[in-house]
Amino acid sequence: MSRAASPPEKPSAERLTAELESLLVRELARTWRDLNGSHFRFALKTPVILLVNSTSVLGRWDRHCRSIELARSFVSLRPWGEIVEVMKHEMAHQYVHEVLQIVDETPHGPAFQQVCERLAVDGAASGIPLEVVPEPERDKLRQRIADLLALAKSSNRFEAENAALLAQKLMLKHNIAMSERPGRQRYGYRQLGSPKGRVQEHEHILGGILGEHFFVEAIWVAAYRPEDGKRGNVLELCGSPENLDIAGYVHAFMLDTSERLWLEHVQSHDERSNRERRTYLAGVMEGFRERLATEKKSSAERGLIWLGDADLHRFYKQRHPHVRSVRLRGQEPSDARAKGREAGRNIVLNRGVSQSSSETSMPALPAKRS
């Protein structure tokens, strides 16, 4: 059973070497073992994992040969998160055939869809698994927030802060209203940036900010870079389409803004080492988090209280059934951190993130339409 698609075309020069491809197959096998434990409770027997020169499917479970085939052009060139989703999809087919022993339904029939629903696996028969598409009503919300963030670039500090506050209030009201609606929302995921071997403190803090203030669940997940055969970690967000868009935008905005503030800081200070830079960036994120906490308290005093989204948390736990929390070691106070916190408290969220930032994996929220 297969997931059909036409993988994006890439120059043939980007094809992996034989050594890198061998490492990739080994990593795919390791990923299968991890998923077999976390999602299928070790119910599946090890299949053969093959890379094939297919342009019509991304992956295929062959129950007769007991193999999972993955398109070579797909797994060698696409983000690791997409590859893992296709692996889950084919493992769901394997589960239906070998554990449930159902062979008389269509490939993407009721039993398969039930397994995918239970495990938060994309059960679509075709297409690269990314995230759900916003509905027209939610796209209007996204545009309204973009318009407010455009106003937040005003040179008048009061007008800018008021526009940013209105945008956050609109997000809060929308999410409170959605949480009160009967029936489950549609959720998706998004991975931001490229896998990193070492995640910096300010990136950890920023992930926490998104999870605490922007109506998404955030987690650092393991990833792999086929192009150089190295493992790393990448930030994943789970949420509704509009919240993923906004949180992705905030992520890019804060990385870009914190670096700009550091460059402004070094022009008037002697602190120029990479250690001081990392400390300053962490301070910026802490200051921004403090600002958001103050605004959250103000909203609560006006009766706007966010109690969380139980359905989103359920989706998150289905995707990540075994979550391990890691406590960051406290850092010693320093002048660079204090200066960063001061700068972070004065950040006004607005539209205008640089598109050249290497960390930006999402386009900025759209400009105001004419």
Protein backbone atom coordinates (compact mmCIF):
# COMPACT_ATOMS: atom_id res chain seq x y z
CA MET A 1 0.00 0.00 0.00
CA SER A 2 1.45 3.35 -0.96
CA ARG A 3 1.32 7.06 -0.42
CA ALA A 4 1.25 8.57 -3.88
CA ALA A 5 2.92 11.82 -4.83
CA SER A 6 5.38 13.44 -7.15
CA PRO A 7 8.43 14.38 -5.07
CA PRO A 8 9.79 17.86 -5.82
CA GLU A 9 12.42 17.91 -8.54
CA LYS A 10 15.97 18.69 -7.47
CA PRO A 11 19.23 18.87 -9.41
CA SER A 12 20.77 15.43 -9.88
CA ALA A 13 24.02 16.79 -8.42
CA GLU A 14 22.35 16.75 -5.01
CA ARG A 15 21.95 12.97 -5.03
CA LEU A 16 23.57 11.34 -2.01
CA THR A 17 26.80 9.40 -2.22
CA ALA A 18 26.68 5.64 -1.63
CA GLU A 19 28.15 6.12 1.86
CA LEU A 20 25.60 8.77 2.85
CA GLU A 21 22.78 6.68 1.44
CA SER A 22 23.92 3.70 3.51
CA LEU A 23 23.90 5.88 6.64
CA LEU A 24 20.45 7.14 5.68
CA VAL A 25 19.01 3.61 5.42
CA ARG A 26 20.52 2.82 8.81
CA GLU A 27 18.87 5.93 10.28
CA LEU A 28 15.53 5.01 8.70
CA ALA A 29 15.76 1.58 10.32
CA ARG A 30 16.51 3.22 13.66
CA THR A 31 13.52 5.54 13.19
CA TRP A 32 11.29 2.54 12.43
CA ARG A 33 12.43 0.88 15.68
CA ASP A 34 11.77 4.04 17.70
CA LEU A 35 8.28 4.46 16.22
CA ASN A 36 7.52 0.78 16.73
CA GLY A 37 8.10 1.30 20.44
CA SER A 38 6.57 4.74 20.93
CA HIS A 39 3.50 4.40 18.68
CA PHE A 40 2.90 0.68 18.16
CA ARG A 41 4.09 -0.78 21.49
CA PHE A 42 6.55 -3.07 19.72
CA ALA A 43 3.69 -4.92 18.00
CA LEU A 44 5.35 -4.87 14.57
CA LYS A 45 8.01 -7.23 13.24
CA THR A 46 11.04 -5.69 11.55
CA PRO A 47 10.51 -5.20 7.80
CA VAL A 48 13.03 -4.67 5.04
CA ILE A 49 13.54 -0.96 4.35
CA LEU A 50 14.37 -0.10 0.76
CA LEU A 51 15.09 3.05 -1.20
CA VAL A 52 13.57 2.95 -4.69
CA ASN A 53 13.77 5.18 -7.75
CA SER A 54 10.10 6.08 -7.77
CA THR A 55 8.59 9.34 -8.98
CA SER A 56 4.99 8.30 -8.41
CA VAL A 57 4.97 7.38 -4.71
CA LEU A 58 6.64 8.67 -1.57
CA GLY A 59 6.37 5.39 0.31
CA ARG A 60 4.85 1.92 0.02
CA TRP A 61 4.20 -1.00 2.35
CA ASP A 62 4.44 -4.34 0.50
CA ARG A 63 2.84 -6.99 2.71
CA HIS A 64 3.96 -9.84 0.46
CA CYS A 65 7.65 -8.92 0.60
CA ARG A 66 7.30 -7.40 4.10
CA SER A 67 9.09 -4.26 2.98
CA ILE A 68 8.69 -0.53 3.37
CA GLU A 69 9.82 1.23 0.22
CA LEU A 70 10.64 4.94 0.27
CA ALA A 71 11.33 7.12 -2.74
CA ARG A 72 15.04 7.87 -2.91
CA SER A 73 14.51 11.43 -4.19
CA PHE A 74 12.07 12.11 -1.34
CA VAL A 75 14.05 10.82 1.64
CA SER A 76 17.35 12.30 0.51
CA LEU A 77 16.10 15.82 -0.14
CA ARG A 78 13.03 16.59 1.99
CA PRO A 79 12.93 17.72 5.66
CA TRP A 80 13.24 14.88 8.14
CA GLY A 81 9.85 15.59 9.71
CA GLU A 82 8.12 14.82 6.42
CA ILE A 83 10.06 11.59 6.06
CA VAL A 84 9.04 10.46 9.55
CA GLU A 85 5.39 11.16 8.73
CA VAL A 86 5.56 8.98 5.63
CA MET A 87 7.25 6.25 7.67
CA LYS A 88 4.38 6.40 10.19
CA HIS A 89 1.88 6.18 7.35
CA GLU A 90 3.44 3.00 5.97
CA MET A 91 3.79 1.52 9.45
CA ALA A 92 0.06 2.08 9.94
CA HIS A 93 -0.52 -0.04 6.82
CA GLN A 94 1.80 -2.67 8.28
CA TYR A 95 -0.14 -2.61 11.56
CA VAL A 96 -3.50 -3.11 9.81
CA HIS A 97 -2.19 -6.11 7.86
CA GLU A 98 0.03 -7.84 10.40
CA VAL A 99 -1.53 -7.02 13.76
CA LEU A 100 -5.21 -6.43 12.97
CA GLN A 101 -4.92 -8.96 10.11
CA ILE A 102 -7.34 -7.02 7.94
CA VAL A 103 -6.72 -7.61 4.23
CA ASP A 104 -10.22 -7.31 2.74
CA GLU A 105 -10.59 -3.51 3.01
CA THR A 106 -9.35 -0.88 0.61
CA PRO A 107 -5.80 0.33 1.44
CA HIS A 108 -6.99 3.55 3.07
CA GLY A 109 -10.24 2.10 4.36
CA PRO A 110 -11.93 2.35 7.79
CA ALA A 111 -9.44 0.24 9.76
CA PHE A 112 -6.47 2.19 8.41
CA GLN A 113 -8.15 5.54 9.09
CA GLN A 114 -8.97 4.49 12.66
CA VAL A 115 -5.33 3.60 13.30
CA CYS A 116 -4.20 6.94 11.86
CA GLU A 117 -6.73 8.84 13.95
CA ARG A 118 -5.62 7.10 17.13
CA LEU A 119 -1.96 7.81 16.47
CA ALA A 120 -2.34 11.31 14.94
CA VAL A 121 -0.87 10.00 11.66
CA ASP A 122 -1.72 11.66 8.35
CA GLY A 123 -3.99 9.13 6.65
CA ALA A 124 -4.23 10.88 3.27
CA ALA A 125 -3.46 8.67 0.29
CA SER A 126 -1.32 11.26 -1.49
CA GLY A 127 0.70 14.40 -1.01
CA ILE A 128 3.59 15.39 1.21
CA PRO A 129 2.36 15.40 4.84
CA LEU A 130 2.65 18.92 6.18
CA GLU A 131 -0.26 20.56 7.95
CA VAL A 132 -3.96 21.26 7.51
CA VAL A 133 -5.03 24.19 5.36
CA PRO A 134 -6.69 27.17 7.09
CA GLU A 135 -10.40 27.64 6.50
CA PRO A 136 -11.61 30.96 5.00
CA GLU A 137 -12.84 32.20 8.39
CA ARG A 138 -9.46 31.54 9.98
CA ASP A 139 -7.61 33.02 7.02
CA LYS A 140 -9.50 36.27 7.68
CA LEU A 141 -8.24 36.18 11.26
CA ARG A 142 -4.69 35.67 10.03
CA GLN A 143 -5.06 38.66 7.70
CA ARG A 144 -6.53 40.83 10.44
CA ILE A 145 -3.59 40.04 12.71
CA ALA A 146 -1.18 40.79 9.85
CA ASP A 147 -2.86 44.18 9.41
CA LEU A 148 -2.52 44.96 13.13
CA LEU A 149 1.13 43.95 13.15
CA ALA A 150 1.69 46.24 10.18
CA LEU A 151 0.26 49.10 12.26
CA ALA A 152 2.60 48.06 15.08
CA LYS A 153 5.50 49.39 13.00
CA SER A 154 4.27 52.94 13.63
CA SER A 155 6.94 55.41 14.73
CA ASN A 156 4.51 56.51 17.45
CA ARG A 157 5.34 54.23 20.39
CA PHE A 158 1.82 54.41 21.84
CA GLU A 159 0.17 53.54 18.52
CA ALA A 160 2.62 50.71 17.90
CA GLU A 161 2.13 49.12 21.32
CA ASN A 162 -1.65 49.51 21.10
CA ALA A 163 -1.76 47.74 17.71
CA ALA A 164 0.42 44.88 19.00
CA LEU A 165 -1.80 44.52 22.08
CA LEU A 166 -4.92 44.44 19.90
CA ALA A 167 -3.36 41.65 17.81
CA GLN A 168 -2.62 39.56 20.91
CA LYS A 169 -6.09 40.25 22.32
CA LEU A 170 -7.65 39.14 19.03
CA MET A 171 -5.64 35.89 19.12
CA LEU A 172 -6.74 35.27 22.71
CA LYS A 173 -10.43 35.94 22.00
CA HIS A 174 -10.34 33.71 18.92
CA ASN A 175 -8.77 30.80 20.75
CA ILE A 176 -11.14 31.11 23.70
CA ALA A 177 -14.09 31.07 21.26
CA MET A 178 -12.70 28.07 19.36
CA SER A 179 -12.15 26.12 22.58
CA GLU A 180 -15.82 26.58 23.45
CA ARG A 181 -17.09 25.19 20.15
CA PRO A 182 -18.39 21.62 20.14
CA GLY A 183 -16.44 19.12 18.09
CA ARG A 184 -12.74 18.66 17.60
CA GLN A 185 -10.67 21.12 15.60
CA ARG A 186 -8.23 20.09 12.91
CA TYR A 187 -4.61 20.23 14.02
CA GLY A 188 -1.31 19.93 12.28
CA TYR A 189 2.38 20.31 12.97
CA ARG A 190 5.25 22.43 11.72
CA GLN A 191 9.00 22.08 12.20
CA LEU A 192 10.99 25.32 12.23
CA GLY A 193 14.52 25.72 10.94
CA SER A 194 17.03 23.00 10.19
CA PRO A 195 18.27 20.31 12.61
CA LYS A 196 20.95 21.50 15.04
CA GLY A 197 23.46 19.50 16.99
CA ARG A 198 23.34 21.93 19.88
CA VAL A 199 20.33 24.08 20.71
CA GLN A 200 21.25 27.43 22.24
CA GLU A 201 19.66 28.75 25.44
CA HIS A 202 17.78 31.57 23.70
CA GLU A 203 16.26 29.06 21.26
CA HIS A 204 15.03 26.91 24.16
CA ILE A 205 13.50 29.97 25.81
CA LEU A 206 11.82 31.02 22.57
CA GLY A 207 10.27 27.57 22.15
CA GLY A 208 8.83 27.91 25.66
CA ILE A 209 7.44 31.35 24.83
CA LEU A 210 5.59 29.99 21.80
CA GLY A 211 4.06 27.18 23.84
CA GLU A 212 3.06 29.46 26.70
CA HIS A 213 1.70 32.49 24.83
CA PHE A 214 0.84 31.57 21.23
CA PHE A 215 -1.63 28.67 21.56
CA VAL A 216 0.61 25.89 20.28
CA GLU A 217 2.39 22.94 21.85
CA ALA A 218 6.17 23.10 21.36
CA ILE A 219 8.72 20.31 21.58
CA TRP A 220 12.29 19.69 20.43
CA VAL A 221 12.42 16.47 18.40
CA ALA A 222 15.23 14.39 16.99
CA ALA A 223 16.01 14.89 13.33
CA TYR A 224 18.55 13.76 10.76
CA ARG A 225 20.40 15.52 7.95
CA PRO A 226 20.84 13.07 5.05
CA GLU A 227 23.12 15.48 3.18
CA ASP A 228 25.89 15.14 5.80
CA GLY A 229 24.81 12.07 7.78
CA LYS A 230 24.42 13.91 11.10
CA ARG A 231 21.73 13.92 13.76
CA GLY A 232 20.32 16.98 15.45
CA ASN A 233 17.21 18.50 16.99
CA VAL A 234 14.51 20.71 15.52
CA LEU A 235 11.67 22.68 17.10
CA GLU A 236 8.23 21.26 16.32
CA LEU A 237 4.95 23.07 16.94
CA CYS A 238 1.52 21.44 17.06
CA GLY A 239 -1.64 23.49 16.68
CA SER A 240 -4.39 24.82 14.44
CA PRO A 241 -3.36 26.20 11.03
CA GLU A 242 -3.73 29.86 11.98
CA ASN A 243 -1.86 29.43 15.26
CA LEU A 244 0.96 27.59 13.50
CA ASP A 245 1.24 30.46 11.03
CA ILE A 246 1.38 33.08 13.76
CA ALA A 247 3.74 31.14 16.03
CA GLY A 248 6.03 30.42 13.08
CA TYR A 249 6.08 34.11 12.29
CA VAL A 250 6.86 35.06 15.90
CA HIS A 251 9.69 32.51 15.93
CA ALA A 252 11.32 34.07 12.87
CA PHE A 253 10.64 37.61 14.09
CA MET A 254 12.25 37.05 17.49
CA LEU A 255 15.35 35.34 16.10
CA ASP A 256 15.81 38.15 13.62
CA THR A 257 15.06 40.91 16.14
CA SER A 258 17.31 39.52 18.87
CA GLU A 259 20.26 39.36 16.48
CA ARG A 260 19.59 42.94 15.35
CA LEU A 261 19.47 44.11 18.97
CA TRP A 262 22.79 42.36 19.66
CA LEU A 263 24.44 44.14 16.74
CA GLU A 264 23.14 47.46 18.05
CA HIS A 265 24.40 46.56 21.53
CA VAL A 266 27.98 45.82 20.45
CA GLN A 267 28.26 49.21 18.78
CA SER A 268 28.19 50.89 22.18
CA HIS A 269 29.71 48.18 24.42
CA ASP A 270 32.92 46.20 24.57
CA GLU A 271 31.05 42.87 24.84
CA ARG A 272 31.79 41.10 21.58
CA SER A 273 32.58 37.47 22.41
CA ASN A 274 30.32 34.63 21.27
CA ARG A 275 29.63 33.74 24.91
CA GLU A 276 28.43 37.27 25.60
CA ARG A 277 26.32 37.15 22.45
CA ARG A 278 24.60 33.93 23.56
CA THR A 279 24.00 35.40 27.02
CA TYR A 280 22.60 38.63 25.58
CA LEU A 281 20.25 36.75 23.22
CA ALA A 282 18.96 34.66 26.13
CA GLY A 283 18.34 37.88 28.06
CA VAL A 284 16.34 39.30 25.14
CA MET A 285 14.08 36.24 25.15
CA GLU A 286 13.64 36.44 28.92
CA GLY A 287 12.69 40.12 28.69
CA PHE A 288 10.18 39.45 25.92
CA ARG A 289 8.68 36.59 27.96
CA GLU A 290 8.30 38.96 30.93
CA ARG A 291 6.51 41.48 28.73
CA LEU A 292 4.10 38.84 27.44
CA ALA A 293 3.46 37.61 31.01
CA THR A 294 2.52 41.15 32.06
CA GLU A 295 0.13 41.48 29.12
CA LYS A 296 -1.35 38.05 29.87
CA LYS A 297 -2.05 39.15 33.45
CA SER A 298 -3.71 42.31 32.16
CA SER A 299 -5.98 40.24 29.87
CA ALA A 300 -6.92 37.98 32.80
CA GLU A 301 -7.92 41.02 34.83
CA ARG A 302 -10.29 41.94 32.00
CA GLY A 303 -11.83 38.47 32.11
CA LEU A 304 -9.97 36.98 29.14
CA ILE A 305 -8.54 33.79 30.60
CA TRP A 306 -7.02 31.03 28.49
CA LEU A 307 -7.64 27.62 30.06
CA GLY A 308 -5.83 25.65 27.38
CA ASP A 309 -6.99 23.34 24.59
CA ALA A 310 -7.56 19.78 25.76
CA ASP A 311 -8.03 18.49 22.20
CA LEU A 312 -4.75 20.03 21.07
CA HIS A 313 -2.95 18.50 24.03
CA ARG A 314 -4.47 15.12 23.13
CA PHE A 315 -3.23 15.47 19.54
CA TYR A 316 0.21 16.44 20.85
CA LYS A 317 0.35 13.41 23.16
CA GLN A 318 -0.70 11.14 20.29
CA ARG A 319 2.18 12.46 18.18
CA HIS A 320 4.60 12.31 21.11
CA PRO A 321 3.39 9.62 23.54
CA HIS A 322 6.65 9.56 25.53
CA VAL A 323 7.75 13.11 26.33
CA ARG A 324 10.78 13.74 28.51
CA SER A 325 11.15 17.12 30.18
CA VAL A 326 14.60 18.64 30.51
CA ARG A 327 15.32 21.41 32.98
CA LEU A 328 17.78 24.00 31.77
CA ARG A 329 20.61 24.84 34.13
CA GLY A 330 20.26 28.30 35.63
CA GLN A 331 22.73 30.87 34.34
CA GLU A 332 24.68 33.35 36.41
CA PRO A 333 23.50 36.98 36.16
CA SER A 334 25.66 39.14 33.92
CA ASP A 335 25.64 42.61 32.46
CA ALA A 336 25.05 41.22 28.96
CA ARG A 337 22.00 39.23 30.15
CA ALA A 338 20.62 42.24 32.02
CA LYS A 339 21.03 44.46 28.96
CA GLY A 340 19.35 41.83 26.82
CA ARG A 341 16.40 41.53 29.20
CA GLU A 342 15.95 45.29 29.16
CA ALA A 343 15.91 45.29 25.36
CA GLY A 344 13.54 42.31 25.28
CA ARG A 345 10.98 44.06 27.50
CA ASN A 346 10.75 46.83 24.92
CA ILE A 347 10.14 44.64 21.86
CA VAL A 348 6.89 45.39 20.06
CA LEU A 349 5.77 42.47 17.90
CA ASN A 350 5.17 43.74 14.38
CA ARG A 351 5.24 42.70 10.74
CA GLY A 352 8.59 42.99 9.05
CA VAL A 353 10.80 39.98 9.76
CA SER A 354 13.77 39.73 7.42
CA GLN A 355 13.30 37.17 4.67
CA SER A 356 17.06 36.65 4.47
CA SER A 357 17.31 35.11 7.93
CA SER A 358 18.71 31.61 7.64
CA GLU A 359 16.53 30.55 10.56
CA THR A 360 13.28 31.57 8.88
CA SER A 361 11.51 28.49 7.54
CA MET A 362 8.17 30.28 7.11
CA PRO A 363 7.19 33.23 4.95
CA ALA A 364 6.26 36.33 6.92
CA LEU A 365 2.60 37.04 7.47
CA PRO A 366 1.19 38.70 4.34
CA ALA A 367 1.31 42.40 3.72
CA LYS A 368 -1.89 44.38 3.87
CA ARG A 369 -4.01 43.73 0.79
CA SER A 370 -5.02 46.66 -1.38
